Amino acid sequence: MKPLHIVLAVIGGAIAGATVGLLMAPDKGERTRENIVEYLKSKGVKLRKSKIEELADEIAEELEKA
């Protein structure tokens, strides 16, 4: 495996871990999703709230499979 692939795998794992951590944080899920949307908007990323909810549902389904 090339070093670039290893680095990308580590970065991808870190992003996935951070996402799961945020979605399972002690704050209400709805408020956490709102915080994520606000943060992404401040960085110039435009996502609808429904897209964030779809992402959260996909992550939850993957966690149930594991």
C-alpha atoms as a PDB file:
ATOM      1  CA  MET A   1       0.000   0.000   0.000  1.00  0.00           C
ATOM      2  CA  LYS A   2       1.295   3.417  -0.897  1.00  0.00           C
ATOM      3  CA  PRO A   3       2.034   5.903   1.890  1.00  0.00           C
ATOM      4  CA  LEU A   4      -0.567   8.280   0.445  1.00  0.00           C
ATOM      5  CA  HIS A   5      -3.261   5.625   0.822  1.00  0.00           C
ATOM      6  CA  ILE A   6      -2.278   5.095   4.447  1.00  0.00           C
ATOM      7  CA  VAL A   7      -2.452   8.816   5.169  1.00  0.00           C
ATOM      8  CA  LEU A   8      -5.841   9.109   3.463  1.00  0.00           C
ATOM      9  CA  ALA A   9      -7.129   6.110   5.420  1.00  0.00           C
ATOM     10  CA  VAL A  10      -6.017   7.656   8.708  1.00  0.00           C
ATOM     11  CA  ILE A  11      -7.591  11.006   7.839  1.00  0.00           C
ATOM     12  CA  GLY A  12     -10.819   9.315   6.727  1.00  0.00           C
ATOM     13  CA  GLY A  13     -10.929   7.313   9.963  1.00  0.00           C
ATOM     14  CA  ALA A  14     -10.379  10.437  12.029  1.00  0.00           C
ATOM     15  CA  ILE A  15     -13.189  12.260  10.241  1.00  0.00           C
ATOM     16  CA  ALA A  16     -15.551   9.311  10.656  1.00  0.00           C
ATOM     17  CA  GLY A  17     -14.651   9.008  14.341  1.00  0.00           C
ATOM     18  CA  ALA A  18     -15.191  12.703  14.952  1.00  0.00           C
ATOM     19  CA  THR A  19     -18.541  12.549  13.171  1.00  0.00           C
ATOM     20  CA  VAL A  20     -19.741   9.611  15.235  1.00  0.00           C
ATOM     21  CA  GLY A  21     -18.480  11.297  18.397  1.00  0.00           C
ATOM     22  CA  LEU A  22     -20.410  14.455  17.618  1.00  0.00           C
ATOM     23  CA  LEU A  23     -23.588  12.586  16.803  1.00  0.00           C
ATOM     24  CA  MET A  24     -23.380  10.579  20.039  1.00  0.00           C
ATOM     25  CA  ALA A  25     -22.452  13.547  22.232  1.00  0.00           C
ATOM     26  CA  PRO A  26     -24.511  14.201  25.372  1.00  0.00           C
ATOM     27  CA  ASP A  27     -26.195  17.236  23.777  1.00  0.00           C
ATOM     28  CA  LYS A  28     -29.530  16.600  22.048  1.00  0.00           C
ATOM     29  CA  GLY A  29     -29.067  15.195  18.557  1.00  0.00           C
ATOM     30  CA  GLU A  30     -31.150  17.922  16.976  1.00  0.00           C
ATOM     31  CA  ARG A  31     -29.062  20.649  18.622  1.00  0.00           C
ATOM     32  CA  THR A  32     -25.840  18.872  17.639  1.00  0.00           C
ATOM     33  CA  ARG A  33     -26.960  18.702  14.009  1.00  0.00           C
ATOM     34  CA  GLU A  34     -27.826  22.397  14.129  1.00  0.00           C
ATOM     35  CA  ASN A  35     -24.327  23.101  15.465  1.00  0.00           C
ATOM     36  CA  ILE A  36     -22.796  21.062  12.643  1.00  0.00           C
ATOM     37  CA  VAL A  37     -24.830  22.954  10.030  1.00  0.00           C
ATOM     38  CA  GLU A  38     -23.847  26.310  11.571  1.00  0.00           C
ATOM     39  CA  TYR A  39     -20.172  25.298  11.615  1.00  0.00           C
ATOM     40  CA  LEU A  40     -20.246  24.136   8.003  1.00  0.00           C
ATOM     41  CA  LYS A  41     -21.990  27.342   6.934  1.00  0.00           C
ATOM     42  CA  SER A  42     -19.274  29.392   8.644  1.00  0.00           C
ATOM     43  CA  LYS A  43     -16.712  27.452   6.575  1.00  0.00           C
ATOM     44  CA  GLY A  44     -18.617  28.089   3.342  1.00  0.00           C
ATOM     45  CA  VAL A  45     -20.156  24.620   2.963  1.00  0.00           C
ATOM     46  CA  LYS A  46     -23.826  24.704   2.075  1.00  0.00           C
ATOM     47  CA  LEU A  47     -25.856  21.729   3.275  1.00  0.00           C
ATOM     48  CA  ARG A  48     -29.533  21.512   3.995  1.00  0.00           C
ATOM     49  CA  LYS A  49     -30.563  20.242   7.403  1.00  0.00           C
ATOM     50  CA  SER A  50     -32.238  17.268   5.726  1.00  0.00           C
ATOM     51  CA  LYS A  51     -28.879  16.230   4.223  1.00  0.00           C
ATOM     52  CA  ILE A  52     -27.266  16.258   7.683  1.00  0.00           C
ATOM     53  CA  GLU A  53     -30.111  14.114   9.004  1.00  0.00           C
ATOM     54  CA  GLU A  54     -29.663  11.676   6.103  1.00  0.00           C
ATOM     55  CA  LEU A  55     -25.946  11.471   6.888  1.00  0.00           C
ATOM     56  CA  ALA A  56     -26.696  10.827  10.560  1.00  0.00           C
ATOM     57  CA  ASP A  57     -29.143   8.063   9.602  1.00  0.00           C
ATOM     58  CA  GLU A  58     -26.574   6.443   7.296  1.00  0.00           C
ATOM     59  CA  ILE A  59     -23.939   6.503  10.033  1.00  0.00           C
ATOM     60  CA  ALA A  60     -26.403   5.011  12.529  1.00  0.00           C
ATOM     61  CA  GLU A  61     -27.257   2.202  10.096  1.00  0.00           C
ATOM     62  CA  GLU A  62     -23.567   1.420   9.556  1.00  0.00           C
ATOM     63  CA  LEU A  63     -22.975   1.331  13.315  1.00  0.00           C
ATOM     64  CA  GLU A  64     -25.866  -1.090  13.760  1.00  0.00           C
ATOM     65  CA  LYS A  65     -24.347  -3.406  11.141  1.00  0.00           C
ATOM     66  CA  ALA A  66     -20.954  -3.454  12.896  1.00  0.00           C
END
